[in-house]
PDB file of N, CA and C in Angstrom:
ATOM      1  N   MET A   1     -34.619   7.607  61.306  1.00  0.00           N
ATOM      2  CA  MET A   1     -35.096   7.075  59.874  1.00  0.00           C
ATOM      3  C   MET A   1     -33.477   7.137  58.967  1.00  0.00           C
ATOM      4  N   MET A   2     -33.495   5.763  58.362  1.00  0.00           N
ATOM      5  CA  MET A   2     -32.387   5.601  57.454  1.00  0.00           C
ATOM      6  C   MET A   2     -32.415   6.215  56.545  1.00  0.00           C
ATOM      7  N   ARG A   3     -30.797   6.562  56.022  1.00  0.00           N
ATOM      8  CA  ARG A   3     -31.519   7.596  54.272  1.00  0.00           C
ATOM      9  C   ARG A   3     -29.808   7.529  54.417  1.00  0.00           C
ATOM     10  N   PRO A   4     -29.313   7.678  52.769  1.00  0.00           N
ATOM     11  CA  PRO A   4     -28.443   7.756  51.958  1.00  0.00           C
ATOM     12  C   PRO A   4     -27.986   8.620  53.066  1.00  0.00           C
ATOM     13  N   PRO A   5     -26.491   8.401  52.685  1.00  0.00           N
ATOM     14  CA  PRO A   5     -25.370   9.257  52.864  1.00  0.00           C
ATOM     15  C   PRO A   5     -25.796  10.683  51.774  1.00  0.00           C
ATOM     16  N   VAL A   6     -26.212  11.921  51.992  1.00  0.00           N
ATOM     17  CA  VAL A   6     -26.033  13.062  50.827  1.00  0.00           C
ATOM     18  C   VAL A   6     -25.079  14.038  51.095  1.00  0.00           C
ATOM     19  N   ASP A   7     -24.252  14.408  51.634  1.00  0.00           N
ATOM     20  CA  ASP A   7     -23.545  15.205  51.758  1.00  0.00           C
ATOM     21  C   ASP A   7     -22.009  14.973  51.306  1.00  0.00           C
ATOM     22  N   GLY A   8     -21.918  15.582  50.118  1.00  0.00           N
ATOM     23  CA  GLY A   8     -20.613  15.944  49.379  1.00  0.00           C
ATOM     24  C   GLY A   8     -20.519  14.931  48.528  1.00  0.00           C
ATOM     25  N   VAL A   9     -21.716  14.185  48.127  1.00  0.00           N
ATOM     26  CA  VAL A   9     -21.893  13.184  47.378  1.00  0.00           C
ATOM     27  C   VAL A   9     -22.559  13.693  46.194  1.00  0.00           C
ATOM     28  N   GLU A  10     -21.870  12.698  44.729  1.00  0.00           N
ATOM     29  CA  GLU A  10     -23.401  13.264  43.673  1.00  0.00           C
ATOM     30  C   GLU A  10     -23.773  12.071  43.160  1.00  0.00           C
ATOM     31  N   VAL A  11     -25.241  12.830  42.972  1.00  0.00           N
ATOM     32  CA  VAL A  11     -26.774  12.194  43.031  1.00  0.00           C
ATOM     33  C   VAL A  11     -27.396  11.903  41.316  1.00  0.00           C
ATOM     34  N   PHE A  12     -27.010  10.311  40.696  1.00  0.00           N
ATOM     35  CA  PHE A  12     -27.769  10.431  39.624  1.00  0.00           C
ATOM     36  C   PHE A  12     -28.991   9.302  38.800  1.00  0.00           C
ATOM     37  N   LEU A  13     -30.021  10.133  38.877  1.00  0.00           N
ATOM     38  CA  LEU A  13     -31.148   9.680  38.571  1.00  0.00           C
ATOM     39  C   LEU A  13     -31.104   8.994  37.365  1.00  0.00           C
ATOM     40  N   TYR A  14     -31.826   7.944  37.201  1.00  0.00           N
ATOM     41  CA  TYR A  14     -31.486   7.414  36.162  1.00  0.00           C
ATOM     42  C   TYR A  14     -33.977   7.751  34.842  1.00  0.00           C
ATOM     43  N   LYS A  15     -33.709   8.142  34.535  1.00  0.00           N
ATOM     44  CA  LYS A  15     -35.469   8.675  34.255  1.00  0.00           C
ATOM     45  C   LYS A  15     -36.020   7.388  34.094  1.00  0.00           C
ATOM     46  N   PRO A  16     -35.464   6.586  33.095  1.00  0.00           N
ATOM     47  CA  PRO A  16     -36.205   5.680  32.466  1.00  0.00           C
ATOM     48  C   PRO A  16     -36.665   4.483  33.124  1.00  0.00           C
ATOM     49  N   PRO A  17     -38.001   3.971  33.450  1.00  0.00           N
ATOM     50  CA  PRO A  17     -38.144   2.998  34.436  1.00  0.00           C
ATOM     51  C   PRO A  17     -37.802   1.139  34.205  1.00  0.00           C
ATOM     52  N   ILE A  18     -37.086   0.507  35.543  1.00  0.00           N
ATOM     53  CA  ILE A  18     -37.099  -0.112  35.702  1.00  0.00           C
ATOM     54  C   ILE A  18     -37.116  -1.113  36.368  1.00  0.00           C
ATOM     55  N   ASP A  19     -36.794  -2.477  35.832  1.00  0.00           N
ATOM     56  CA  ASP A  19     -37.830  -3.758  36.408  1.00  0.00           C
ATOM     57  C   ASP A  19     -37.390  -3.111  38.410  1.00  0.00           C
ATOM     58  N   MET A  20     -37.583  -4.007  38.992  1.00  0.00           N
ATOM     59  CA  MET A  20     -37.640  -3.402  40.548  1.00  0.00           C
ATOM     60  C   MET A  20     -36.998  -5.264  40.702  1.00  0.00           C
ATOM     61  N   ARG A  21     -36.685  -5.691  40.060  1.00  0.00           N
ATOM     62  CA  ARG A  21     -36.797  -7.223  40.517  1.00  0.00           C
ATOM     63  C   ARG A  21     -35.071  -7.161  40.620  1.00  0.00           C
ATOM     64  N   LYS A  22     -34.451  -5.824  39.453  1.00  0.00           N
ATOM     65  CA  LYS A  22     -33.074  -6.214  39.894  1.00  0.00           C
ATOM     66  C   LYS A  22     -32.308  -6.041  40.849  1.00  0.00           C
ATOM     67  N   SER A  23     -31.718  -6.717  41.087  1.00  0.00           N
ATOM     68  CA  SER A  23     -31.183  -6.124  42.953  1.00  0.00           C
ATOM     69  C   SER A  23     -29.605  -5.356  42.130  1.00  0.00           C
ATOM     70  N   ILE A  24     -28.639  -6.193  43.377  1.00  0.00           N
ATOM     71  CA  ILE A  24     -27.493  -5.239  43.494  1.00  0.00           C
ATOM     72  C   ILE A  24     -26.212  -5.074  41.949  1.00  0.00           C
ATOM     73  N   ASN A  25     -26.181  -6.376  41.433  1.00  0.00           N
ATOM     74  CA  ASN A  25     -25.250  -7.129  40.834  1.00  0.00           C
ATOM     75  C   ASN A  25     -26.161  -5.878  39.142  1.00  0.00           C
ATOM     76  N   GLY A  26     -27.393  -6.346  39.718  1.00  0.00           N
ATOM     77  CA  GLY A  26     -28.650  -6.082  37.875  1.00  0.00           C
ATOM     78  C   GLY A  26     -27.895  -4.105  38.195  1.00  0.00           C
ATOM     79  N   LEU A  27     -28.008  -3.906  39.287  1.00  0.00           N
ATOM     80  CA  LEU A  27     -28.199  -2.455  38.977  1.00  0.00           C
ATOM     81  C   LEU A  27     -26.901  -1.829  38.936  1.00  0.00           C
ATOM     82  N   ALA A  28     -25.787  -2.696  39.436  1.00  0.00           N
ATOM     83  CA  ALA A  28     -24.599  -2.267  39.188  1.00  0.00           C
ATOM     84  C   ALA A  28     -23.762  -2.245  37.813  1.00  0.00           C
ATOM     85  N   LEU A  29     -24.827  -3.596  37.031  1.00  0.00           N
ATOM     86  CA  LEU A  29     -23.546  -4.107  35.869  1.00  0.00           C
ATOM     87  C   LEU A  29     -24.767  -2.312  35.121  1.00  0.00           C
ATOM     88  N   LEU A  30     -26.071  -1.450  35.265  1.00  0.00           N
ATOM     89  CA  LEU A  30     -26.736  -0.981  34.619  1.00  0.00           C
ATOM     90  C   LEU A  30     -26.153   0.458  34.668  1.00  0.00           C
ATOM     91  N   VAL A  31     -25.369   0.780  36.269  1.00  0.00           N
ATOM     92  CA  VAL A  31     -24.833   2.051  36.336  1.00  0.00           C
ATOM     93  C   VAL A  31     -23.465   1.676  34.954  1.00  0.00           C
ATOM     94  N   GLU A  32     -22.576   1.058  35.272  1.00  0.00           N
ATOM     95  CA  GLU A  32     -21.685   0.529  34.454  1.00  0.00           C
ATOM     96  C   GLU A  32     -21.596   0.546  32.962  1.00  0.00           C
ATOM     97  N   GLY A  33     -22.301   0.136  32.262  1.00  0.00           N
ATOM     98  CA  GLY A  33     -23.223  -0.018  30.872  1.00  0.00           C
ATOM     99  C   GLY A  33     -23.877   0.693  30.338  1.00  0.00           C
ATOM    100  N   VAL A  34     -24.855   1.190  31.333  1.00  0.00           N
ATOM    101  CA  VAL A  34     -25.936   2.441  30.679  1.00  0.00           C
ATOM    102  C   VAL A  34     -25.600   3.776  30.963  1.00  0.00           C
ATOM    103  N   LEU A  35     -25.141   4.340  31.913  1.00  0.00           N
ATOM    104  CA  LEU A  35     -25.030   5.174  32.516  1.00  0.00           C
ATOM    105  C   LEU A  35     -23.312   6.317  32.406  1.00  0.00           C
ATOM    106  N   GLN A  36     -22.678   5.042  32.270  1.00  0.00           N
ATOM    107  CA  GLN A  36     -21.338   4.619  31.637  1.00  0.00           C
ATOM    108  C   GLN A  36     -20.965   5.794  33.082  1.00  0.00           C
ATOM    109  N   HIS A  37     -21.382   5.563  34.095  1.00  0.00           N
ATOM    110  CA  HIS A  37     -20.422   5.450  35.390  1.00  0.00           C
ATOM    111  C   HIS A  37     -19.621   4.232  35.992  1.00  0.00           C
ATOM    112  N   ASN A  38     -18.872   4.555  37.030  1.00  0.00           N
ATOM    113  CA  ASN A  38     -18.207   3.341  37.991  1.00  0.00           C
ATOM    114  C   ASN A  38     -19.052   3.352  39.499  1.00  0.00           C
ATOM    115  N   PRO A  39     -19.322   1.954  39.104  1.00  0.00           N
ATOM    116  CA  PRO A  39     -20.611   1.615  39.798  1.00  0.00           C
ATOM    117  C   PRO A  39     -19.702   1.665  41.687  1.00  0.00           C
ATOM    118  N   PHE A  40     -18.704   1.743  41.971  1.00  0.00           N
ATOM    119  CA  PHE A  40     -17.571   1.469  42.969  1.00  0.00           C
ATOM    120  C   PHE A  40     -17.055   3.260  43.209  1.00  0.00           C
ATOM    121  N   SER A  41     -17.653   4.461  42.994  1.00  0.00           N
ATOM    122  CA  SER A  41     -17.783   5.805  43.192  1.00  0.00           C
ATOM    123  C   SER A  41     -18.269   5.768  44.710  1.00  0.00           C
ATOM    124  N   THR A  42     -18.252   6.705  44.780  1.00  0.00           N
ATOM    125  CA  THR A  42     -19.032   7.523  46.154  1.00  0.00           C
ATOM    126  C   THR A  42     -20.173   8.014  46.102  1.00  0.00           C
ATOM    127  N   HIS A  43     -20.546   7.964  44.926  1.00  0.00           N
ATOM    128  CA  HIS A  43     -22.011   8.604  43.847  1.00  0.00           C
ATOM    129  C   HIS A  43     -23.338   7.430  44.247  1.00  0.00           C
ATOM    130  N   LEU A  44     -24.531   8.494  44.242  1.00  0.00           N
ATOM    131  CA  LEU A  44     -25.575   7.670  44.250  1.00  0.00           C
ATOM    132  C   LEU A  44     -26.639   7.406  43.182  1.00  0.00           C
ATOM    133  N   PHE A  45     -27.003   5.975  42.733  1.00  0.00           N
ATOM    134  CA  PHE A  45     -27.962   5.860  41.462  1.00  0.00           C
ATOM    135  C   PHE A  45     -28.990   6.068  42.229  1.00  0.00           C
ATOM    136  N   VAL A  46     -29.903   6.179  41.784  1.00  0.00           N
ATOM    137  CA  VAL A  46     -31.342   6.407  41.780  1.00  0.00           C
ATOM    138  C   VAL A  46     -31.918   5.639  40.498  1.00  0.00           C
ATOM    139  N   PHE A  47     -33.177   4.764  41.358  1.00  0.00           N
ATOM    140  CA  PHE A  47     -33.603   4.128  39.915  1.00  0.00           C
ATOM    141  C   PHE A  47     -35.361   4.631  40.339  1.00  0.00           C
ATOM    142  N   ARG A  48     -36.284   4.005  39.473  1.00  0.00           N
ATOM    143  CA  ARG A  48     -37.853   3.745  39.509  1.00  0.00           C
ATOM    144  C   ARG A  48     -38.537   2.564  38.832  1.00  0.00           C
ATOM    145  N   ASN A  49     -39.651   2.886  39.598  1.00  0.00           N
ATOM    146  CA  ASN A  49     -40.462   1.561  38.950  1.00  0.00           C
ATOM    147  C   ASN A  49     -41.470   2.416  37.941  1.00  0.00           C
ATOM    148  N   ARG A  50     -42.423   1.632  36.808  1.00  0.00           N
ATOM    149  CA  ARG A  50     -43.249   2.190  35.573  1.00  0.00           C
ATOM    150  C   ARG A  50     -44.674   3.127  36.460  1.00  0.00           C
ATOM    151  N   ALA A  51     -44.841   2.444  37.423  1.00  0.00           N
ATOM    152  CA  ALA A  51     -45.504   2.829  38.197  1.00  0.00           C
ATOM    153  C   ALA A  51     -45.169   4.185  39.348  1.00  0.00           C
ATOM    154  N   ARG A  52     -43.877   4.614  39.056  1.00  0.00           N
ATOM    155  CA  ARG A  52     -43.283   5.855  39.811  1.00  0.00           C
ATOM    156  C   ARG A  52     -43.777   5.287  41.941  1.00  0.00           C
ATOM    157  N   ASP A  53     -43.862   4.646  41.897  1.00  0.00           N
ATOM    158  CA  ASP A  53     -44.396   4.130  43.143  1.00  0.00           C
ATOM    159  C   ASP A  53     -43.323   3.487  44.438  1.00  0.00           C
ATOM    160  N   LYS A  54     -42.110   3.000  43.376  1.00  0.00           N
ATOM    161  CA  LYS A  54     -41.047   2.417  44.357  1.00  0.00           C
ATOM    162  C   LYS A  54     -39.563   3.095  43.983  1.00  0.00           C
ATOM    163  N   VAL A  55     -38.595   2.966  44.631  1.00  0.00           N
ATOM    164  CA  VAL A  55     -38.019   4.464  44.483  1.00  0.00           C
ATOM    165  C   VAL A  55     -36.781   2.802  45.102  1.00  0.00           C
ATOM    166  N   LYS A  56     -35.093   3.164  44.036  1.00  0.00           N
ATOM    167  CA  LYS A  56     -34.380   1.556  44.795  1.00  0.00           C
ATOM    168  C   LYS A  56     -32.781   2.968  44.317  1.00  0.00           C
ATOM    169  N   ILE A  57     -31.795   3.033  45.434  1.00  0.00           N
ATOM    170  CA  ILE A  57     -30.889   3.689  45.595  1.00  0.00           C
ATOM    171  C   ILE A  57     -29.646   2.650  45.407  1.00  0.00           C
ATOM    172  N   LEU A  58     -28.414   2.573  44.653  1.00  0.00           N
ATOM    173  CA  LEU A  58     -27.361   2.073  45.055  1.00  0.00           C
ATOM    174  C   LEU A  58     -26.445   3.037  44.878  1.00  0.00           C
ATOM    175  N   TYR A  59     -25.141   2.387  46.127  1.00  0.00           N
ATOM    176  CA  TYR A  59     -24.345   3.528  46.233  1.00  0.00           C
ATOM    177  C   TYR A  59     -22.791   2.228  46.775  1.00  0.00           C
ATOM    178  N   TRP A  60     -21.936   2.604  46.870  1.00  0.00           N
ATOM    179  CA  TRP A  60     -21.177   1.890  47.045  1.00  0.00           C
ATOM    180  C   TRP A  60     -20.427   2.245  48.259  1.00  0.00           C
ATOM    181  N   GLU A  61     -19.929   1.344  49.868  1.00  0.00           N
ATOM    182  CA  GLU A  61     -19.713   1.874  51.166  1.00  0.00           C
ATOM    183  C   GLU A  61     -18.592   1.177  51.111  1.00  0.00           C
ATOM    184  N   SER A  62     -17.329   1.505  51.021  1.00  0.00           N
ATOM    185  CA  SER A  62     -16.202   0.977  51.555  1.00  0.00           C
ATOM    186  C   SER A  62     -16.338  -0.029  51.491  1.00  0.00           C
ATOM    187  N   SER A  63     -16.333  -1.438  51.794  1.00  0.00           N
ATOM    188  CA  SER A  63     -16.676  -2.806  51.327  1.00  0.00           C
ATOM    189  C   SER A  63     -17.241  -3.611  50.694  1.00  0.00           C
ATOM    190  N   GLY A  64     -18.283  -2.480  50.409  1.00  0.00           N
ATOM    191  CA  GLY A  64     -19.897  -3.139  50.170  1.00  0.00           C
ATOM    192  C   GLY A  64     -21.103  -2.230  49.215  1.00  0.00           C
ATOM    193  N   PHE A  65     -21.826  -2.567  48.543  1.00  0.00           N
ATOM    194  CA  PHE A  65     -22.805  -1.714  48.064  1.00  0.00           C
ATOM    195  C   PHE A  65     -24.031  -1.830  49.077  1.00  0.00           C
ATOM    196  N   VAL A  66     -24.877  -0.829  48.317  1.00  0.00           N
ATOM    197  CA  VAL A  66     -25.971  -0.475  49.813  1.00  0.00           C
ATOM    198  C   VAL A  66     -27.046   0.121  49.332  1.00  0.00           C
ATOM    199  N   LEU A  67     -27.970  -0.968  49.611  1.00  0.00           N
ATOM    200  CA  LEU A  67     -29.273  -0.885  48.244  1.00  0.00           C
ATOM    201  C   LEU A  67     -30.464  -0.695  49.396  1.00  0.00           C
ATOM    202  N   TRP A  68     -30.746   0.715  49.212  1.00  0.00           N
ATOM    203  CA  TRP A  68     -31.932   1.207  49.975  1.00  0.00           C
ATOM    204  C   TRP A  68     -32.745   1.633  48.888  1.00  0.00           C
ATOM    205  N   TYR A  69     -34.310   1.206  49.379  1.00  0.00           N
ATOM    206  CA  TYR A  69     -35.456   0.892  48.971  1.00  0.00           C
ATOM    207  C   TYR A  69     -36.580   1.704  49.693  1.00  0.00           C
ATOM    208  N   LYS A  70     -37.341   2.495  48.656  1.00  0.00           N
ATOM    209  CA  LYS A  70     -38.866   2.858  48.894  1.00  0.00           C
ATOM    210  C   LYS A  70     -39.393   3.074  48.283  1.00  0.00           C
ATOM    211  N   ARG A  71     -41.472   2.619  49.146  1.00  0.00           N
ATOM    212  CA  ARG A  71     -42.590   2.062  48.218  1.00  0.00           C
ATOM    213  C   ARG A  71     -43.121   2.800  48.779  1.00  0.00           C
ATOM    214  N   LEU A  72     -43.984   3.170  47.984  1.00  0.00           N
ATOM    215  CA  LEU A  72     -45.028   4.727  48.787  1.00  0.00           C
ATOM    216  C   LEU A  72     -46.094   3.594  48.852  1.00  0.00           C
ATOM    217  N   GLU A  73     -46.884   4.190  49.677  1.00  0.00           N
ATOM    218  CA  GLU A  73     -48.184   3.419  49.813  1.00  0.00           C
ATOM    219  C   GLU A  73     -49.477   4.112  48.683  1.00  0.00           C
ATOM    220  N   GLN A  74     -49.413   5.551  48.853  1.00  0.00           N
ATOM    221  CA  GLN A  74     -50.620   5.840  47.503  1.00  0.00           C
ATOM    222  C   GLN A  74     -50.466   6.491  46.720  1.00  0.00           C
ATOM    223  N   ALA A  75     -49.210   7.511  47.132  1.00  0.00           N
ATOM    224  CA  ALA A  75     -48.869   8.394  45.814  1.00  0.00           C
ATOM    225  C   ALA A  75     -47.584   8.469  45.283  1.00  0.00           C
ATOM    226  N   ARG A  76     -47.688   8.654  44.181  1.00  0.00           N
ATOM    227  CA  ARG A  76     -46.691   8.574  43.065  1.00  0.00           C
ATOM    228  C   ARG A  76     -45.013   9.023  43.322  1.00  0.00           C
ATOM    229  N   PHE A  77     -43.797   9.339  42.839  1.00  0.00           N
ATOM    230  CA  PHE A  77     -42.646   9.920  42.723  1.00  0.00           C
ATOM    231  C   PHE A  77     -42.404  10.665  41.811  1.00  0.00           C
ATOM    232  N   THR A  78     -42.667  11.902  41.959  1.00  0.00           N
ATOM    233  CA  THR A  78     -42.100  12.414  40.590  1.00  0.00           C
ATOM    234  C   THR A  78     -40.566  12.950  40.147  1.00  0.00           C
ATOM    235  N   TRP A  79     -40.492  12.433  38.710  1.00  0.00           N
ATOM    236  CA  TRP A  79     -39.523  12.221  38.053  1.00  0.00           C
ATOM    237  C   TRP A  79     -38.809  13.964  37.812  1.00  0.00           C
ATOM    238  N   PRO A  80     -37.939  14.712  37.516  1.00  0.00           N
ATOM    239  CA  PRO A  80     -37.547  15.603  37.140  1.00  0.00           C
ATOM    240  C   PRO A  80     -37.945  16.249  35.503  1.00  0.00           C
ATOM    241  N   ARG A  81     -38.491  16.769  35.059  1.00  0.00           N
ATOM    242  CA  ARG A  81     -38.813  16.348  33.683  1.00  0.00           C
ATOM    243  C   ARG A  81     -37.654  17.640  32.361  1.00  0.00           C
ATOM    244  N   THR A  82     -37.021  16.388  32.454  1.00  0.00           N
ATOM    245  CA  THR A  82     -35.625  17.130  32.047  1.00  0.00           C
ATOM    246  C   THR A  82     -35.202  16.045  29.958  1.00  0.00           C
ATOM    247  N   ASP A  83     -33.956  16.826  29.429  1.00  0.00           N
ATOM    248  CA  ASP A  83     -34.255  16.013  28.664  1.00  0.00           C
ATOM    249  C   ASP A  83     -32.769  14.987  29.061  1.00  0.00           C
ATOM    250  N   GLY A  84     -32.884  14.003  28.514  1.00  0.00           N
ATOM    251  CA  GLY A  84     -31.919  12.646  28.066  1.00  0.00           C
ATOM    252  C   GLY A  84     -32.477  11.630  29.762  1.00  0.00           C
ATOM    253  N   ASP A  85     -31.677  10.810  29.991  1.00  0.00           N
ATOM    254  CA  ASP A  85     -31.881   9.889  30.185  1.00  0.00           C
ATOM    255  C   ASP A  85     -31.346   9.599  31.946  1.00  0.00           C
ATOM    256  N   VAL A  86     -29.932  10.762  32.532  1.00  0.00           N
ATOM    257  CA  VAL A  86     -29.931  10.548  33.292  1.00  0.00           C
ATOM    258  C   VAL A  86     -29.838  12.210  34.037  1.00  0.00           C
ATOM    259  N   VAL A  87     -30.236  12.554  35.036  1.00  0.00           N
ATOM    260  CA  VAL A  87     -30.228  13.863  36.207  1.00  0.00           C
ATOM    261  C   VAL A  87     -29.681  13.477  36.960  1.00  0.00           C
ATOM    262  N   ALA A  88     -28.407  14.613  36.954  1.00  0.00           N
ATOM    263  CA  ALA A  88     -27.792  15.084  38.207  1.00  0.00           C
ATOM    264  C   ALA A  88     -28.349  15.859  38.702  1.00  0.00           C
ATOM    265  N   LEU A  89     -28.423  15.020  40.444  1.00  0.00           N
ATOM    266  CA  LEU A  89     -29.225  16.247  41.572  1.00  0.00           C
ATOM    267  C   LEU A  89     -27.730  16.273  42.460  1.00  0.00           C
ATOM    268  N   SER A  90     -28.587  17.245  43.690  1.00  0.00           N
ATOM    269  CA  SER A  90     -27.517  17.748  44.392  1.00  0.00           C
ATOM    270  C   SER A  90     -28.185  16.796  45.766  1.00  0.00           C
ATOM    271  N   GLY A  91     -27.921  16.805  46.869  1.00  0.00           N
ATOM    272  CA  GLY A  91     -28.015  16.003  47.958  1.00  0.00           C
ATOM    273  C   GLY A  91     -29.292  16.339  48.971  1.00  0.00           C
ATOM    274  N   GLN A  92     -29.315  17.579  48.334  1.00  0.00           N
ATOM    275  CA  GLN A  92     -30.749  18.397  48.999  1.00  0.00           C
ATOM    276  C   GLN A  92     -32.529  17.506  47.738  1.00  0.00           C
ATOM    277  N   GLN A  93     -31.604  17.430  46.735  1.00  0.00           N
ATOM    278  CA  GLN A  93     -32.818  17.342  46.340  1.00  0.00           C
ATOM    279  C   GLN A  93     -33.343  16.179  46.116  1.00  0.00           C
ATOM    280  N   LEU A  94     -32.748  15.248  46.243  1.00  0.00           N
ATOM    281  CA  LEU A  94     -32.629  13.453  46.918  1.00  0.00           C
ATOM    282  C   LEU A  94     -33.241  13.243  47.679  1.00  0.00           C
ATOM    283  N   ASN A  95     -33.366  14.352  48.616  1.00  0.00           N
ATOM    284  CA  ASN A  95     -33.898  13.992  50.146  1.00  0.00           C
ATOM    285  C   ASN A  95     -35.458  15.003  49.703  1.00  0.00           C
ATOM    286  N   TRP A  96     -35.753  15.971  48.970  1.00  0.00           N
ATOM    287  CA  TRP A  96     -36.727  16.286  48.620  1.00  0.00           C
ATOM    288  C   TRP A  96     -37.558  15.018  47.881  1.00  0.00           C
ATOM    289  N   LEU A  97     -37.250  14.528  46.628  1.00  0.00           N
ATOM    290  CA  LEU A  97     -37.658  13.521  46.533  1.00  0.00           C
ATOM    291  C   LEU A  97     -38.363  12.586  46.950  1.00  0.00           C
ATOM    292  N   LEU A  98     -37.420  12.073  48.042  1.00  0.00           N
ATOM    293  CA  LEU A  98     -37.350  10.864  49.128  1.00  0.00           C
ATOM    294  C   LEU A  98     -38.632  11.352  49.642  1.00  0.00           C
ATOM    295  N   ASP A  99     -38.886  12.427  50.581  1.00  0.00           N
ATOM    296  CA  ASP A  99     -40.108  12.879  51.223  1.00  0.00           C
ATOM    297  C   ASP A  99     -41.376  13.377  50.032  1.00  0.00           C
ATOM    298  N   GLY A 100     -41.091  12.678  49.295  1.00  0.00           N
ATOM    299  CA  GLY A 100     -42.418  13.109  48.711  1.00  0.00           C
ATOM    300  C   GLY A 100     -42.515  14.183  47.890  1.00  0.00           C
ATOM    301  N   TYR A 101     -41.785  15.723  47.532  1.00  0.00           N
ATOM    302  CA  TYR A 101     -42.020  16.804  47.153  1.00  0.00           C
ATOM    303  C   TYR A 101     -41.467  16.663  45.444  1.00  0.00           C
ATOM    304  N   ASP A 102     -42.140  17.283  44.336  1.00  0.00           N
ATOM    305  CA  ASP A 102     -41.968  17.260  42.933  1.00  0.00           C
ATOM    306  C   ASP A 102     -41.229  18.693  43.333  1.00  0.00           C
ATOM    307  N   ILE A 103     -40.247  18.313  42.359  1.00  0.00           N
ATOM    308  CA  ILE A 103     -38.568  19.111  42.573  1.00  0.00           C
ATOM    309  C   ILE A 103     -38.579  19.742  41.922  1.00  0.00           C
ATOM    310  N   ASN A 104     -40.274  19.944  40.825  1.00  0.00           N
ATOM    311  CA  ASN A 104     -40.296  20.674  39.829  1.00  0.00           C
ATOM    312  C   ASN A 104     -40.809  21.650  40.529  1.00  0.00           C
ATOM    313  N   ARG A 105     -41.953  21.891  41.382  1.00  0.00           N
ATOM    314  CA  ARG A 105     -42.527  22.272  41.857  1.00  0.00           C
ATOM    315  C   ARG A 105     -42.512  23.346  43.309  1.00  0.00           C
ATOM    316  N   LEU A 106     -41.578  21.779  44.518  1.00  0.00           N
ATOM    317  CA  LEU A 106     -41.977  21.511  45.247  1.00  0.00           C
ATOM    318  C   LEU A 106     -43.016  21.409  45.923  1.00  0.00           C
ATOM    319  N   GLN A 107     -43.547  20.760  45.952  1.00  0.00           N
ATOM    320  CA  GLN A 107     -44.990  20.548  47.312  1.00  0.00           C
ATOM    321  C   GLN A 107     -45.316  18.788  46.949  1.00  0.00           C
ATOM    322  N   PRO A 108     -45.516  18.600  48.284  1.00  0.00           N
ATOM    323  CA  PRO A 108     -44.858  17.229  48.918  1.00  0.00           C
ATOM    324  C   PRO A 108     -46.366  16.360  48.929  1.00  0.00           C
ATOM    325  N   HIS A 109     -45.619  14.979  48.842  1.00  0.00           N
ATOM    326  CA  HIS A 109     -47.145  14.187  49.299  1.00  0.00           C
ATOM    327  C   HIS A 109     -47.788  14.280  50.356  1.00  0.00           C
ATOM    328  N   ALA A 110     -49.214  14.245  50.550  1.00  0.00           N
ATOM    329  CA  ALA A 110     -49.880  13.864  51.505  1.00  0.00           C
ATOM    330  C   ALA A 110     -49.350  13.099  52.460  1.00  0.00           C
ATOM    331  N   ALA A 111     -49.146  13.530  53.852  1.00  0.00           N
ATOM    332  CA  ALA A 111     -48.844  12.282  54.993  1.00  0.00           C
ATOM    333  C   ALA A 111     -49.815  11.759  55.412  1.00  0.00           C
ATOM    334  N   LEU A 112     -49.752  10.004  55.173  1.00  0.00           N
ATOM    335  CA  LEU A 112     -50.716   8.985  56.004  1.00  0.00           C
ATOM    336  C   LEU A 112     -50.435   8.764  57.441  1.00  0.00           C
ATOM    337  N   PRO A 113     -51.567   9.054  57.673  1.00  0.00           N
ATOM    338  CA  PRO A 113     -52.138   8.538  59.457  1.00  0.00           C
ATOM    339  C   PRO A 113     -52.328   6.662  59.157  1.00  0.00           C
ATOM    340  N   TYR A 114     -51.293   6.304  58.872  1.00  0.00           N
ATOM    341  CA  TYR A 114     -51.838   4.775  58.743  1.00  0.00           C
ATOM    342  C   TYR A 114     -51.705   3.967  60.432  1.00  0.00           C
ATOM    343  N   SER A 115     -52.111   3.710  60.790  1.00  0.00           N
ATOM    344  CA  SER A 115     -51.884   2.856  62.273  1.00  0.00           C
ATOM    345  C   SER A 115     -51.413   1.158  62.703  1.00  0.00           C
ATOM    346  N   SER A 116     -51.513   0.665  61.334  1.00  0.00           N
ATOM    347  CA  SER A 116     -51.701  -0.983  61.694  1.00  0.00           C
ATOM    348  C   SER A 116     -51.766  -0.819  59.626  1.00  0.00           C
ATOM    349  N   VAL A 117     -51.005  -2.336  59.715  1.00  0.00           N
ATOM    350  CA  VAL A 117     -51.189  -2.739  58.599  1.00  0.00           C
ATOM    351  C   VAL A 117     -51.978  -3.848  58.424  1.00  0.00           C
ATOM    352  N   ALA A 118     -52.636  -4.067  59.093  1.00  0.00           N
ATOM    353  CA  ALA A 118     -53.650  -5.639  58.733  1.00  0.00           C
ATOM    354  C   ALA A 118     -54.816  -4.506  58.097  1.00  0.00           C
TER     355      ALA A 118
END
């Protein structure tokens, strides 16, 4: 399983939905212009779509950007209910979110027993 590095890094979750057609350059501009962070830092920046079934994570890895993407087939990601557009998370909380946990209640998504895409 591939996961972005989470040990010793800061994670910033952008709460408003974004256009998932944005790729590295668009997300890096959002990080710099709206979030007011340096996209070349060691931080992870997490974004979601309006339907909350897709997540993108952008981070800089020494010589280039990494864009990580996850799409859920049935469930929805549960974003934290807090004030403001940006939420700071721990690496553990990011893993819980990616595993399908509602990090407010620590309840996971149901596992899906698929065996074929057709």
